[in-house]
Amino acid sequence: MTAAKQVDYFIKKYGNRIKLVSSEGTISCSAFIQPFLYKNRQYLSGTYKPEGYENIKYFVYIGSAEYNLGDMNADTYIEDASGDKYVVRRSEMIYFKNKPCYCWAILKHSVGVTNASLSQ
């Protein structure tokens, strides 16, 4: 099994169920969506947020190379199993040995916001 297929297997097996929703239809798939904590420096044992405080707006997405978020329509958003919605702020296809391995993206948690309205 190639490295790209192994990554895809793990995303499909262990990722959370999500929906890619657009005017063209809905696609059900799996992906990992986690808070993007760069500003908090939690990844470097930096300053942690006060207990009970939560104001996370951005999330990291890792999904199958089968769905390139950069090629989706401007009205596309992601909905997770809990009903939370996210719009894509930036995405890249990650390659391994010149073959697509997975899609990486920064998502913004949103309520009633689409990519089209963010680009204005």
PDB file of N, CA and C in Angstrom:
ATOM      1  N   MET A   1       0.851  -1.173   0.000  1.00  0.00           N
ATOM      2  CA  MET A   1       0.000   0.000   0.000  1.00  0.00           C
ATOM      3  C   MET A   1       0.900   1.241   0.000  1.00  0.00           C
ATOM      4  N   THR A   2       0.606   2.175  -0.890  1.00  0.00           N
ATOM      5  CA  THR A   2       1.414   3.394  -0.975  1.00  0.00           C
ATOM      6  C   THR A   2       1.157   4.291   0.234  1.00  0.00           C
ATOM      7  N   ALA A   3       2.064   5.225   0.459  1.00  0.00           N
ATOM      8  CA  ALA A   3       1.923   6.150   1.590  1.00  0.00           C
ATOM      9  C   ALA A   3       0.632   6.957   1.471  1.00  0.00           C
ATOM     10  N   ALA A   4       0.307   7.419   0.268  1.00  0.00           N
ATOM     11  CA  ALA A   4      -0.912   8.206   0.068  1.00  0.00           C
ATOM     12  C   ALA A   4      -2.153   7.375   0.398  1.00  0.00           C
ATOM     13  N   LYS A   5      -2.152   6.112   0.018  1.00  0.00           N
ATOM     14  CA  LYS A   5      -3.296   5.246   0.313  1.00  0.00           C
ATOM     15  C   LYS A   5      -3.399   4.958   1.808  1.00  0.00           C
ATOM     16  N   GLN A   6      -2.255   4.851   2.479  1.00  0.00           N
ATOM     17  CA  GLN A   6      -2.273   4.642   3.927  1.00  0.00           C
ATOM     18  C   GLN A   6      -2.853   5.855   4.646  1.00  0.00           C
ATOM     19  N   VAL A   7      -2.438   7.046   4.228  1.00  0.00           N
ATOM     20  CA  VAL A   7      -2.975   8.272   4.826  1.00  0.00           C
ATOM     21  C   VAL A   7      -4.480   8.336   4.599  1.00  0.00           C
ATOM     22  N   ASP A   8      -4.917   8.050   3.381  1.00  0.00           N
ATOM     23  CA  ASP A   8      -6.339   8.066   3.055  1.00  0.00           C
ATOM     24  C   ASP A   8      -7.109   7.048   3.906  1.00  0.00           C
ATOM     25  N   TYR A   9      -6.530   5.873   4.080  1.00  0.00           N
ATOM     26  CA  TYR A   9      -7.154   4.826   4.898  1.00  0.00           C
ATOM     27  C   TYR A   9      -7.360   5.314   6.332  1.00  0.00           C
ATOM     28  N   PHE A  10      -6.330   5.926   6.925  1.00  0.00           N
ATOM     29  CA  PHE A  10      -6.436   6.396   8.303  1.00  0.00           C
ATOM     30  C   PHE A  10      -7.423   7.550   8.444  1.00  0.00           C
ATOM     31  N   ILE A  11      -7.470   8.436   7.460  1.00  0.00           N
ATOM     32  CA  ILE A  11      -8.446   9.537   7.502  1.00  0.00           C
ATOM     33  C   ILE A  11      -9.859   8.968   7.468  1.00  0.00           C
ATOM     34  N   LYS A  12     -10.099   8.017   6.568  1.00  0.00           N
ATOM     35  CA  LYS A  12     -11.439   7.434   6.448  1.00  0.00           C
ATOM     36  C   LYS A  12     -11.812   6.600   7.670  1.00  0.00           C
ATOM     37  N   LYS A  13     -10.850   5.906   8.254  1.00  0.00           N
ATOM     38  CA  LYS A  13     -11.135   5.036   9.397  1.00  0.00           C
ATOM     39  C   LYS A  13     -11.279   5.814  10.707  1.00  0.00           C
ATOM     40  N   TYR A  14     -10.397   6.779  10.949  1.00  0.00           N
ATOM     41  CA  TYR A  14     -10.353   7.456  12.243  1.00  0.00           C
ATOM     42  C   TYR A  14     -10.858   8.901  12.223  1.00  0.00           C
ATOM     43  N   GLY A  15     -11.081   9.457  11.052  1.00  0.00           N
ATOM     44  CA  GLY A  15     -11.555  10.835  10.969  1.00  0.00           C
ATOM     45  C   GLY A  15     -13.009  10.969  11.383  1.00  0.00           C
ATOM     46  N   ASN A  16     -13.410  12.192  11.653  1.00  0.00           N
ATOM     47  CA  ASN A  16     -14.800  12.481  12.004  1.00  0.00           C
ATOM     48  C   ASN A  16     -15.632  12.580  10.738  1.00  0.00           C
ATOM     49  N   ARG A  17     -16.887  12.189  10.826  1.00  0.00           N
ATOM     50  CA  ARG A  17     -17.793  12.295   9.687  1.00  0.00           C
ATOM     51  C   ARG A  17     -18.146  13.767   9.484  1.00  0.00           C
ATOM     52  N   ILE A  18     -18.008  14.223   8.254  1.00  0.00           N
ATOM     53  CA  ILE A  18     -18.342  15.607   7.908  1.00  0.00           C
ATOM     54  C   ILE A  18     -19.136  15.616   6.614  1.00  0.00           C
ATOM     55  N   LYS A  19     -19.670  16.783   6.287  1.00  0.00           N
ATOM     56  CA  LYS A  19     -20.352  16.997   5.009  1.00  0.00           C
ATOM     57  C   LYS A  19     -19.723  18.198   4.333  1.00  0.00           C
ATOM     58  N   LEU A  20     -19.447  18.066   3.051  1.00  0.00           N
ATOM     59  CA  LEU A  20     -19.042  19.193   2.213  1.00  0.00           C
ATOM     60  C   LEU A  20     -20.314  19.643   1.506  1.00  0.00           C
ATOM     61  N   VAL A  21     -20.806  20.819   1.856  1.00  0.00           N
ATOM     62  CA  VAL A  21     -22.101  21.290   1.372  1.00  0.00           C
ATOM     63  C   VAL A  21     -21.901  22.462   0.421  1.00  0.00           C
ATOM     64  N   SER A  22     -22.529  22.373  -0.756  1.00  0.00           N
ATOM     65  CA  SER A  22     -22.489  23.476  -1.725  1.00  0.00           C
ATOM     66  C   SER A  22     -23.794  23.495  -2.497  1.00  0.00           C
ATOM     67  N   SER A  23     -23.927  24.466  -3.386  1.00  0.00           N
ATOM     68  CA  SER A  23     -25.134  24.557  -4.210  1.00  0.00           C
ATOM     69  C   SER A  23     -25.247  23.372  -5.166  1.00  0.00           C
ATOM     70  N   GLU A  24     -24.132  22.693  -5.427  1.00  0.00           N
ATOM     71  CA  GLU A  24     -24.145  21.532  -6.323  1.00  0.00           C
ATOM     72  C   GLU A  24     -24.553  20.245  -5.620  1.00  0.00           C
ATOM     73  N   GLY A  25     -24.574  20.246  -4.291  1.00  0.00           N
ATOM     74  CA  GLY A  25     -24.957  19.051  -3.549  1.00  0.00           C
ATOM     75  C   GLY A  25     -24.135  18.882  -2.290  1.00  0.00           C
ATOM     76  N   THR A  26     -24.322  17.737  -1.655  1.00  0.00           N
ATOM     77  CA  THR A  26     -23.642  17.428  -0.401  1.00  0.00           C
ATOM     78  C   THR A  26     -22.833  16.152  -0.555  1.00  0.00           C
ATOM     79  N   ILE A  27     -21.603  16.181  -0.054  1.00  0.00           N
ATOM     80  CA  ILE A  27     -20.724  15.015  -0.077  1.00  0.00           C
ATOM     81  C   ILE A  27     -20.426  14.645   1.370  1.00  0.00           C
ATOM     82  N   SER A  28     -20.675  13.391   1.735  1.00  0.00           N
ATOM     83  CA  SER A  28     -20.321  12.899   3.067  1.00  0.00           C
ATOM     84  C   SER A  28     -18.959  12.237   2.999  1.00  0.00           C
ATOM     85  N   CYS A  29     -18.098  12.566   3.942  1.00  0.00           N
ATOM     86  CA  CYS A  29     -16.756  11.991   3.969  1.00  0.00           C
ATOM     87  C   CYS A  29     -16.200  12.106   5.381  1.00  0.00           C
ATOM     88  N   SER A  30     -14.928  11.769   5.552  1.00  0.00           N
ATOM     89  CA  SER A  30     -14.269  11.853   6.854  1.00  0.00           C
ATOM     90  C   SER A  30     -13.097  12.815   6.783  1.00  0.00           C
ATOM     91  N   ALA A  31     -12.822  13.460   7.900  1.00  0.00           N
ATOM     92  CA  ALA A  31     -11.679  14.372   7.994  1.00  0.00           C
ATOM     93  C   ALA A  31     -11.384  14.631   9.462  1.00  0.00           C
ATOM     94  N   PHE A  32     -10.222  15.193   9.710  1.00  0.00           N
ATOM     95  CA  PHE A  32      -9.861  15.640  11.051  1.00  0.00           C
ATOM     96  C   PHE A  32     -10.011  17.154  11.091  1.00  0.00           C
ATOM     97  N   ILE A  33     -10.724  17.660  12.076  1.00  0.00           N
ATOM     98  CA  ILE A  33     -10.865  19.102  12.292  1.00  0.00           C
ATOM     99  C   ILE A  33     -10.499  19.364  13.746  1.00  0.00           C
ATOM    100  N   GLN A  34      -9.454  20.168  13.947  1.00  0.00           N
ATOM    101  CA  GLN A  34      -8.957  20.457  15.289  1.00  0.00           C
ATOM    102  C   GLN A  34      -8.752  21.960  15.452  1.00  0.00           C
ATOM    103  N   PRO A  35      -8.869  22.484  16.660  1.00  0.00           N
ATOM    104  CA  PRO A  35      -8.624  23.918  16.876  1.00  0.00           C
ATOM    105  C   PRO A  35      -7.211  24.312  16.465  1.00  0.00           C
ATOM    106  N   PHE A  36      -7.098  25.465  15.850  1.00  0.00           N
ATOM    107  CA  PHE A  36      -5.802  26.020  15.461  1.00  0.00           C
ATOM    108  C   PHE A  36      -5.363  26.920  16.607  1.00  0.00           C
ATOM    109  N   LEU A  37      -4.402  26.462  17.393  1.00  0.00           N
ATOM    110  CA  LEU A  37      -4.031  27.149  18.629  1.00  0.00           C
ATOM    111  C   LEU A  37      -2.729  27.916  18.522  1.00  0.00           C
ATOM    112  N   TYR A  38      -2.356  28.331  17.337  1.00  0.00           N
ATOM    113  CA  TYR A  38      -1.085  29.014  17.121  1.00  0.00           C
ATOM    114  C   TYR A  38      -0.939  30.254  17.989  1.00  0.00           C
ATOM    115  N   LYS A  39      -1.962  31.079  18.060  1.00  0.00           N
ATOM    116  CA  LYS A  39      -1.870  32.328  18.820  1.00  0.00           C
ATOM    117  C   LYS A  39      -1.694  32.076  20.312  1.00  0.00           C
ATOM    118  N   ASN A  40      -2.195  30.951  20.783  1.00  0.00           N
ATOM    119  CA  ASN A  40      -2.114  30.651  22.208  1.00  0.00           C
ATOM    120  C   ASN A  40      -0.777  30.038  22.589  1.00  0.00           C
ATOM    121  N   ARG A  41       0.009  29.648  21.622  1.00  0.00           N
ATOM    122  CA  ARG A  41       1.319  29.038  21.819  1.00  0.00           C
ATOM    123  C   ARG A  41       1.230  27.770  22.659  1.00  0.00           C
ATOM    124  N   GLN A  42       0.073  27.118  22.656  1.00  0.00           N
ATOM    125  CA  GLN A  42      -0.060  25.882  23.419  1.00  0.00           C
ATOM    126  C   GLN A  42       0.846  24.795  22.862  1.00  0.00           C
ATOM    127  N   TYR A  43       1.150  24.876  21.585  1.00  0.00           N
ATOM    128  CA  TYR A  43       1.989  23.853  20.974  1.00  0.00           C
ATOM    129  C   TYR A  43       3.449  23.979  21.405  1.00  0.00           C
ATOM    130  N   LEU A  44       3.824  25.083  22.034  1.00  0.00           N
ATOM    131  CA  LEU A  44       5.199  25.283  22.499  1.00  0.00           C
ATOM    132  C   LEU A  44       5.277  25.375  24.019  1.00  0.00           C
ATOM    133  N   SER A  45       4.313  24.810  24.697  1.00  0.00           N
ATOM    134  CA  SER A  45       4.238  24.907  26.163  1.00  0.00           C
ATOM    135  C   SER A  45       4.225  26.366  26.608  1.00  0.00           C
ATOM    136  N   GLY A  46       3.549  27.188  25.843  1.00  0.00           N
ATOM    137  CA  GLY A  46       3.470  28.613  26.148  1.00  0.00           C
ATOM    138  C   GLY A  46       2.340  28.906  27.111  1.00  0.00           C
ATOM    139  N   THR A  47       1.784  30.083  27.018  1.00  0.00           N
ATOM    140  CA  THR A  47       0.716  30.514  27.904  1.00  0.00           C
ATOM    141  C   THR A  47      -0.585  29.825  27.519  1.00  0.00           C
ATOM    142  N   TYR A  48      -1.251  29.236  28.470  1.00  0.00           N
ATOM    143  CA  TYR A  48      -2.518  28.563  28.216  1.00  0.00           C
ATOM    144  C   TYR A  48      -3.680  29.505  28.471  1.00  0.00           C
ATOM    145  N   LYS A  49      -4.808  29.203  27.846  1.00  0.00           N
ATOM    146  CA  LYS A  49      -6.003  30.005  28.051  1.00  0.00           C
ATOM    147  C   LYS A  49      -6.530  29.798  29.466  1.00  0.00           C
ATOM    148  N   PRO A  50      -7.163  30.817  30.022  1.00  0.00           N
ATOM    149  CA  PRO A  50      -7.785  30.637  31.340  1.00  0.00           C
ATOM    150  C   PRO A  50      -8.839  29.530  31.273  1.00  0.00           C
ATOM    151  N   GLU A  51      -9.012  28.811  32.350  1.00  0.00           N
ATOM    152  CA  GLU A  51      -9.981  27.724  32.391  1.00  0.00           C
ATOM    153  C   GLU A  51     -11.378  28.262  32.104  1.00  0.00           C
ATOM    154  N   GLY A  52     -12.105  27.574  31.256  1.00  0.00           N
ATOM    155  CA  GLY A  52     -13.458  27.968  30.908  1.00  0.00           C
ATOM    156  C   GLY A  52     -13.537  28.947  29.750  1.00  0.00           C
ATOM    157  N   TYR A  53     -12.410  29.510  29.316  1.00  0.00           N
ATOM    158  CA  TYR A  53     -12.400  30.477  28.218  1.00  0.00           C
ATOM    159  C   TYR A  53     -12.298  29.737  26.898  1.00  0.00           C
ATOM    160  N   GLU A  54     -13.175  30.064  25.980  1.00  0.00           N
ATOM    161  CA  GLU A  54     -13.097  29.444  24.666  1.00  0.00           C
ATOM    162  C   GLU A  54     -13.526  30.453  23.612  1.00  0.00           C
ATOM    163  N   ASN A  55     -12.591  30.857  22.795  1.00  0.00           N
ATOM    164  CA  ASN A  55     -12.871  31.785  21.708  1.00  0.00           C
ATOM    165  C   ASN A  55     -12.054  31.339  20.503  1.00  0.00           C
ATOM    166  N   ILE A  56     -12.270  30.115  20.100  1.00  0.00           N
ATOM    167  CA  ILE A  56     -11.506  29.551  18.994  1.00  0.00           C
ATOM    168  C   ILE A  56     -12.281  29.796  17.706  1.00  0.00           C
ATOM    169  N   LYS A  57     -11.664  30.516  16.776  1.00  0.00           N
ATOM    170  CA  LYS A  57     -12.325  30.838  15.517  1.00  0.00           C
ATOM    171  C   LYS A  57     -11.782  30.031  14.351  1.00  0.00           C
ATOM    172  N   TYR A  58     -10.518  29.619  14.438  1.00  0.00           N
ATOM    173  CA  TYR A  58      -9.885  28.932  13.318  1.00  0.00           C
ATOM    174  C   TYR A  58      -9.568  27.484  13.663  1.00  0.00           C
ATOM    175  N   PHE A  59      -9.652  26.639  12.636  1.00  0.00           N
ATOM    176  CA  PHE A  59      -9.450  25.207  12.813  1.00  0.00           C
ATOM    177  C   PHE A  59      -8.575  24.672  11.689  1.00  0.00           C
ATOM    178  N   VAL A  60      -7.836  23.617  11.992  1.00  0.00           N
ATOM    179  CA  VAL A  60      -7.024  22.929  10.991  1.00  0.00           C
ATOM    180  C   VAL A  60      -7.826  21.736  10.488  1.00  0.00           C
ATOM    181  N   TYR A  61      -7.835  21.577   9.183  1.00  0.00           N
ATOM    182  CA  TYR A  61      -8.549  20.479   8.524  1.00  0.00           C
ATOM    183  C   TYR A  61      -7.533  19.587   7.832  1.00  0.00           C
ATOM    184  N   ILE A  62      -7.660  18.286   8.010  1.00  0.00           N
ATOM    185  CA  ILE A  62      -6.886  17.317   7.231  1.00  0.00           C
ATOM    186  C   ILE A  62      -7.886  16.303   6.706  1.00  0.00           C
ATOM    187  N   GLY A  63      -7.974  16.241   5.379  1.00  0.00           N
ATOM    188  CA  GLY A  63      -8.943  15.354   4.751  1.00  0.00           C
ATOM    189  C   GLY A  63      -8.346  14.616   3.575  1.00  0.00           C
ATOM    190  N   SER A  64      -9.124  13.734   3.024  1.00  0.00           N
ATOM    191  CA  SER A  64      -8.700  12.894   1.916  1.00  0.00           C
ATOM    192  C   SER A  64      -8.318  13.727   0.694  1.00  0.00           C
ATOM    193  N   ALA A  65      -7.337  13.240  -0.042  1.00  0.00           N
ATOM    194  CA  ALA A  65      -6.937  13.903  -1.288  1.00  0.00           C
ATOM    195  C   ALA A  65      -8.031  13.786  -2.345  1.00  0.00           C
ATOM    196  N   GLU A  66      -8.994  12.940  -2.092  1.00  0.00           N
ATOM    197  CA  GLU A  66     -10.111  12.742  -3.013  1.00  0.00           C
ATOM    198  C   GLU A  66     -10.925  14.026  -3.196  1.00  0.00           C
ATOM    199  N   TYR A  67     -10.939  14.878  -2.162  1.00  0.00           N
ATOM    200  CA  TYR A  67     -11.705  16.124  -2.202  1.00  0.00           C
ATOM    201  C   TYR A  67     -10.766  17.300  -1.974  1.00  0.00           C
ATOM    202  N   ASN A  68     -10.445  18.003  -3.039  1.00  0.00           N
ATOM    203  CA  ASN A  68      -9.567  19.170  -2.958  1.00  0.00           C
ATOM    204  C   ASN A  68     -10.424  20.392  -2.641  1.00  0.00           C
ATOM    205  N   LEU A  69     -10.320  20.892  -1.427  1.00  0.00           N
ATOM    206  CA  LEU A  69     -11.149  22.029  -1.019  1.00  0.00           C
ATOM    207  C   LEU A  69     -10.870  23.274  -1.849  1.00  0.00           C
ATOM    208  N   GLY A  70      -9.679  23.381  -2.407  1.00  0.00           N
ATOM    209  CA  GLY A  70      -9.339  24.523  -3.248  1.00  0.00           C
ATOM    210  C   GLY A  70     -10.101  24.552  -4.558  1.00  0.00           C
ATOM    211  N   ASP A  71     -10.616  23.404  -4.974  1.00  0.00           N
ATOM    212  CA  ASP A  71     -11.375  23.317  -6.223  1.00  0.00           C
ATOM    213  C   ASP A  71     -12.879  23.429  -6.019  1.00  0.00           C
ATOM    214  N   MET A  72     -13.315  23.579  -4.789  1.00  0.00           N
ATOM    215  CA  MET A  72     -14.748  23.640  -4.496  1.00  0.00           C
ATOM    216  C   MET A  72     -15.303  25.025  -4.830  1.00  0.00           C
ATOM    217  N   ASN A  73     -16.625  25.104  -5.001  1.00  0.00           N
ATOM    218  CA  ASN A  73     -17.298  26.380  -5.265  1.00  0.00           C
ATOM    219  C   ASN A  73     -17.119  27.344  -4.096  1.00  0.00           C
ATOM    220  N   ALA A  74     -17.302  28.624  -4.377  1.00  0.00           N
ATOM    221  CA  ALA A  74     -17.159  29.661  -3.348  1.00  0.00           C
ATOM    222  C   ALA A  74     -18.210  29.528  -2.252  1.00  0.00           C
ATOM    223  N   ASP A  75     -19.350  28.895  -2.560  1.00  0.00           N
ATOM    224  CA  ASP A  75     -20.405  28.761  -1.546  1.00  0.00           C
ATOM    225  C   ASP A  75     -20.266  27.492  -0.702  1.00  0.00           C
ATOM    226  N   THR A  76     -19.201  26.736  -0.897  1.00  0.00           N
ATOM    227  CA  THR A  76     -19.007  25.487  -0.161  1.00  0.00           C
ATOM    228  C   THR A  76     -18.671  25.753   1.300  1.00  0.00           C
ATOM    229  N   TYR A  77     -19.276  24.981   2.170  1.00  0.00           N
ATOM    230  CA  TYR A  77     -18.906  25.010   3.584  1.00  0.00           C
ATOM    231  C   TYR A  77     -18.864  23.583   4.106  1.00  0.00           C
ATOM    232  N   ILE A  78     -18.261  23.420   5.270  1.00  0.00           N
ATOM    233  CA  ILE A  78     -18.117  22.108   5.896  1.00  0.00           C
ATOM    234  C   ILE A  78     -19.003  22.079   7.126  1.00  0.00           C
ATOM    235  N   GLU A  79     -19.740  20.994   7.276  1.00  0.00           N
ATOM    236  CA  GLU A  79     -20.583  20.815   8.452  1.00  0.00           C
ATOM    237  C   GLU A  79     -20.157  19.537   9.157  1.00  0.00           C
ATOM    238  N   ASP A  80     -19.878  19.640  10.452  1.00  0.00           N
ATOM    239  CA  ASP A  80     -19.466  18.442  11.193  1.00  0.00           C
ATOM    240  C   ASP A  80     -20.687  17.751  11.803  1.00  0.00           C
ATOM    241  N   ALA A  81     -20.457  16.637  12.488  1.00  0.00           N
ATOM    242  CA  ALA A  81     -21.547  15.826  13.026  1.00  0.00           C
ATOM    243  C   ALA A  81     -22.379  16.567  14.069  1.00  0.00           C
ATOM    244  N   SER A  82     -21.787  17.558  14.738  1.00  0.00           N
ATOM    245  CA  SER A  82     -22.534  18.316  15.746  1.00  0.00           C
ATOM    246  C   SER A  82     -23.313  19.486  15.142  1.00  0.00           C
ATOM    247  N   GLY A  83     -23.171  19.691  13.827  1.00  0.00           N
ATOM    248  CA  GLY A  83     -23.885  20.773  13.158  1.00  0.00           C
ATOM    249  C   GLY A  83     -23.099  22.059  13.037  1.00  0.00           C
ATOM    250  N   ASP A  84     -21.879  22.095  13.593  1.00  0.00           N
ATOM    251  CA  ASP A  84     -21.040  23.286  13.443  1.00  0.00           C
ATOM    252  C   ASP A  84     -20.630  23.447  11.987  1.00  0.00           C
ATOM    253  N   LYS A  85     -20.563  24.700  11.541  1.00  0.00           N
ATOM    254  CA  LYS A  85     -20.230  24.991  10.147  1.00  0.00           C
ATOM    255  C   LYS A  85     -18.924  25.761  10.061  1.00  0.00           C
ATOM    256  N   TYR A  86     -18.175  25.476   8.997  1.00  0.00           N
ATOM    257  CA  TYR A  86     -16.869  26.091   8.782  1.00  0.00           C
ATOM    258  C   TYR A  86     -16.744  26.484   7.317  1.00  0.00           C
ATOM    259  N   VAL A  87     -16.058  27.577   7.065  1.00  0.00           N
ATOM    260  CA  VAL A  87     -15.725  27.959   5.697  1.00  0.00           C
ATOM    261  C   VAL A  87     -14.213  27.861   5.535  1.00  0.00           C
ATOM    262  N   VAL A  88     -13.793  27.617   4.312  1.00  0.00           N
ATOM    263  CA  VAL A  88     -12.374  27.428   4.020  1.00  0.00           C
ATOM    264  C   VAL A  88     -11.722  28.787   3.823  1.00  0.00           C
ATOM    265  N   ARG A  89     -10.687  29.062   4.599  1.00  0.00           N
ATOM    266  CA  ARG A  89      -9.928  30.301   4.442  1.00  0.00           C
ATOM    267  C   ARG A  89      -8.725  30.094   3.534  1.00  0.00           C
ATOM    268  N   ARG A  90      -8.111  28.927   3.637  1.00  0.00           N
ATOM    269  CA  ARG A  90      -6.948  28.602   2.811  1.00  0.00           C
ATOM    270  C   ARG A  90      -6.848  27.088   2.747  1.00  0.00           C
ATOM    271  N   SER A  91      -6.472  26.570   1.595  1.00  0.00           N
ATOM    272  CA  SER A  91      -6.292  25.119   1.493  1.00  0.00           C
ATOM    273  C   SER A  91      -5.153  24.794   0.539  1.00  0.00           C
ATOM    274  N   GLU A  92      -4.567  23.643   0.761  1.00  0.00           N
ATOM    275  CA  GLU A  92      -3.486  23.149  -0.093  1.00  0.00           C
ATOM    276  C   GLU A  92      -3.605  21.646  -0.217  1.00  0.00           C
ATOM    277  N   MET A  93      -3.261  21.148  -1.379  1.00  0.00           N
ATOM    278  CA  MET A  93      -3.134  19.710  -1.552  1.00  0.00           C
ATOM    279  C   MET A  93      -1.686  19.374  -1.215  1.00  0.00           C
ATOM    280  N   ILE A  94      -1.478  18.410  -0.341  1.00  0.00           N
ATOM    281  CA  ILE A  94      -0.138  17.994   0.062  1.00  0.00           C
ATOM    282  C   ILE A  94       0.238  16.768  -0.761  1.00  0.00           C
ATOM    283  N   TYR A  95       1.419  16.831  -1.364  1.00  0.00           N
ATOM    284  CA  TYR A  95       1.876  15.762  -2.257  1.00  0.00           C
ATOM    285  C   TYR A  95       2.993  14.950  -1.619  1.00  0.00           C
ATOM    286  N   PHE A  96       3.023  13.665  -1.947  1.00  0.00           N
ATOM    287  CA  PHE A  96       4.098  12.769  -1.545  1.00  0.00           C
ATOM    288  C   PHE A  96       4.533  12.011  -2.791  1.00  0.00           C
ATOM    289  N   LYS A  97       5.785  12.187  -3.174  1.00  0.00           N
ATOM    290  CA  LYS A  97       6.318  11.586  -4.406  1.00  0.00           C
ATOM    291  C   LYS A  97       5.456  11.960  -5.615  1.00  0.00           C
ATOM    292  N   ASN A  98       5.121  13.240  -5.698  1.00  0.00           N
ATOM    293  CA  ASN A  98       4.366  13.818  -6.815  1.00  0.00           C
ATOM    294  C   ASN A  98       2.947  13.281  -6.961  1.00  0.00           C
ATOM    295  N   LYS A  99       2.395  12.700  -5.905  1.00  0.00           N
ATOM    296  CA  LYS A  99       1.008  12.234  -5.935  1.00  0.00           C
ATOM    297  C   LYS A  99       0.262  12.868  -4.766  1.00  0.00           C
ATOM    298  N   PRO A 100      -0.997  13.271  -4.984  1.00  0.00           N
ATOM    299  CA  PRO A 100      -1.763  13.870  -3.891  1.00  0.00           C
ATOM    300  C   PRO A 100      -1.865  12.903  -2.713  1.00  0.00           C
ATOM    301  N   CYS A 101      -1.556  13.403  -1.518  1.00  0.00           N
ATOM    302  CA  CYS A 101      -1.562  12.560  -0.319  1.00  0.00           C
ATOM    303  C   CYS A 101      -2.748  12.914   0.591  1.00  0.00           C
ATOM    304  N   TYR A 102      -2.949  14.217   0.840  1.00  0.00           N
ATOM    305  CA  TYR A 102      -4.092  14.661   1.631  1.00  0.00           C
ATOM    306  C   TYR A 102      -4.309  16.151   1.395  1.00  0.00           C
ATOM    307  N   CYS A 103      -5.484  16.621   1.789  1.00  0.00           N
ATOM    308  CA  CYS A 103      -5.820  18.040   1.674  1.00  0.00           C
ATOM    309  C   CYS A 103      -5.721  18.668   3.058  1.00  0.00           C
ATOM    310  N   TRP A 104      -5.015  19.778   3.145  1.00  0.00           N
ATOM    311  CA  TRP A 104      -4.812  20.532   4.386  1.00  0.00           C
ATOM    312  C   TRP A 104      -5.504  21.869   4.217  1.00  0.00           C
ATOM    313  N   ALA A 105      -6.151  22.357   5.274  1.00  0.00           N
ATOM    314  CA  ALA A 105      -6.828  23.650   5.165  1.00  0.00           C
ATOM    315  C   ALA A 105      -6.926  24.330   6.522  1.00  0.00           C
ATOM    316  N   ILE A 106      -7.091  25.640   6.463  1.00  0.00           N
ATOM    317  CA  ILE A 106      -7.455  26.433   7.633  1.00  0.00           C
ATOM    318  C   ILE A 106      -8.927  26.795   7.451  1.00  0.00           C
ATOM    319  N   LEU A 107      -9.723  26.463   8.446  1.00  0.00           N
ATOM    320  CA  LEU A 107     -11.156  26.729   8.404  1.00  0.00           C
ATOM    321  C   LEU A 107     -11.503  27.814   9.409  1.00  0.00           C
ATOM    322  N   LYS A 108     -12.552  28.558   9.105  1.00  0.00           N
ATOM    323  CA  LYS A 108     -13.069  29.541  10.057  1.00  0.00           C
ATOM    324  C   LYS A 108     -14.444  29.078  10.503  1.00  0.00           C
ATOM    325  N   HIS A 109     -14.610  29.001  11.810  1.00  0.00           N
ATOM    326  CA  HIS A 109     -15.909  28.631  12.373  1.00  0.00           C
ATOM    327  C   HIS A 109     -16.878  29.754  12.044  1.00  0.00           C
ATOM    328  N   SER A 110     -18.042  29.412  11.540  1.00  0.00           N
ATOM    329  CA  SER A 110     -18.943  30.473  11.102  1.00  0.00           C
ATOM    330  C   SER A 110     -20.393  30.131  11.368  1.00  0.00           C
ATOM    331  N   VAL A 111     -21.194  31.175  11.379  1.00  0.00           N
ATOM    332  CA  VAL A 111     -22.635  31.039  11.471  1.00  0.00           C
ATOM    333  C   VAL A 111     -23.203  31.898  10.355  1.00  0.00           C
ATOM    334  N   GLY A 112     -23.724  31.266   9.316  1.00  0.00           N
ATOM    335  CA  GLY A 112     -24.319  31.999   8.215  1.00  0.00           C
ATOM    336  C   GLY A 112     -23.335  32.756   7.346  1.00  0.00           C
ATOM    337  N   VAL A 113     -22.067  32.373   7.366  1.00  0.00           N
ATOM    338  CA  VAL A 113     -21.047  33.040   6.559  1.00  0.00           C
ATOM    339  C   VAL A 113     -20.567  32.077   5.492  1.00  0.00           C
ATOM    340  N   THR A 114     -20.403  32.578   4.271  1.00  0.00           N
ATOM    341  CA  THR A 114     -19.894  31.745   3.186  1.00  0.00           C
ATOM    342  C   THR A 114     -18.566  32.290   2.700  1.00  0.00           C
ATOM    343  N   ASN A 115     -17.847  31.480   1.934  1.00  0.00           N
ATOM    344  CA  ASN A 115     -16.582  31.926   1.362  1.00  0.00           C
ATOM    345  C   ASN A 115     -16.783  33.143   0.471  1.00  0.00           C
ATOM    346  N   ALA A 116     -17.900  33.200  -0.247  1.00  0.00           N
ATOM    347  CA  ALA A 116     -18.157  34.318  -1.152  1.00  0.00           C
ATOM    348  C   ALA A 116     -18.239  35.634  -0.372  1.00  0.00           C
ATOM    349  N   SER A 117     -18.886  35.618   0.791  1.00  0.00           N
ATOM    350  CA  SER A 117     -18.997  36.857   1.563  1.00  0.00           C
ATOM    351  C   SER A 117     -17.681  37.222   2.244  1.00  0.00           C
ATOM    352  N   LEU A 118     -16.821  36.231   2.516  1.00  0.00           N
ATOM    353  CA  LEU A 118     -15.528  36.519   3.134  1.00  0.00           C
ATOM    354  C   LEU A 118     -14.564  37.173   2.159  1.00  0.00           C
ATOM    355  N   SER A 119     -14.712  36.887   0.869  1.00  0.00           N
ATOM    356  CA  SER A 119     -13.764  37.402  -0.116  1.00  0.00           C
ATOM    357  C   SER A 119     -14.063  38.837  -0.527  1.00  0.00           C
ATOM    358  N   GLN A 120     -15.147  39.414  -0.055  1.00  0.00           N
ATOM    359  CA  GLN A 120     -15.501  40.787  -0.437  1.00  0.00           C
ATOM    360  C   GLN A 120     -14.739  41.799   0.372  1.00  0.00           C
TER     361      GLN A 120
END
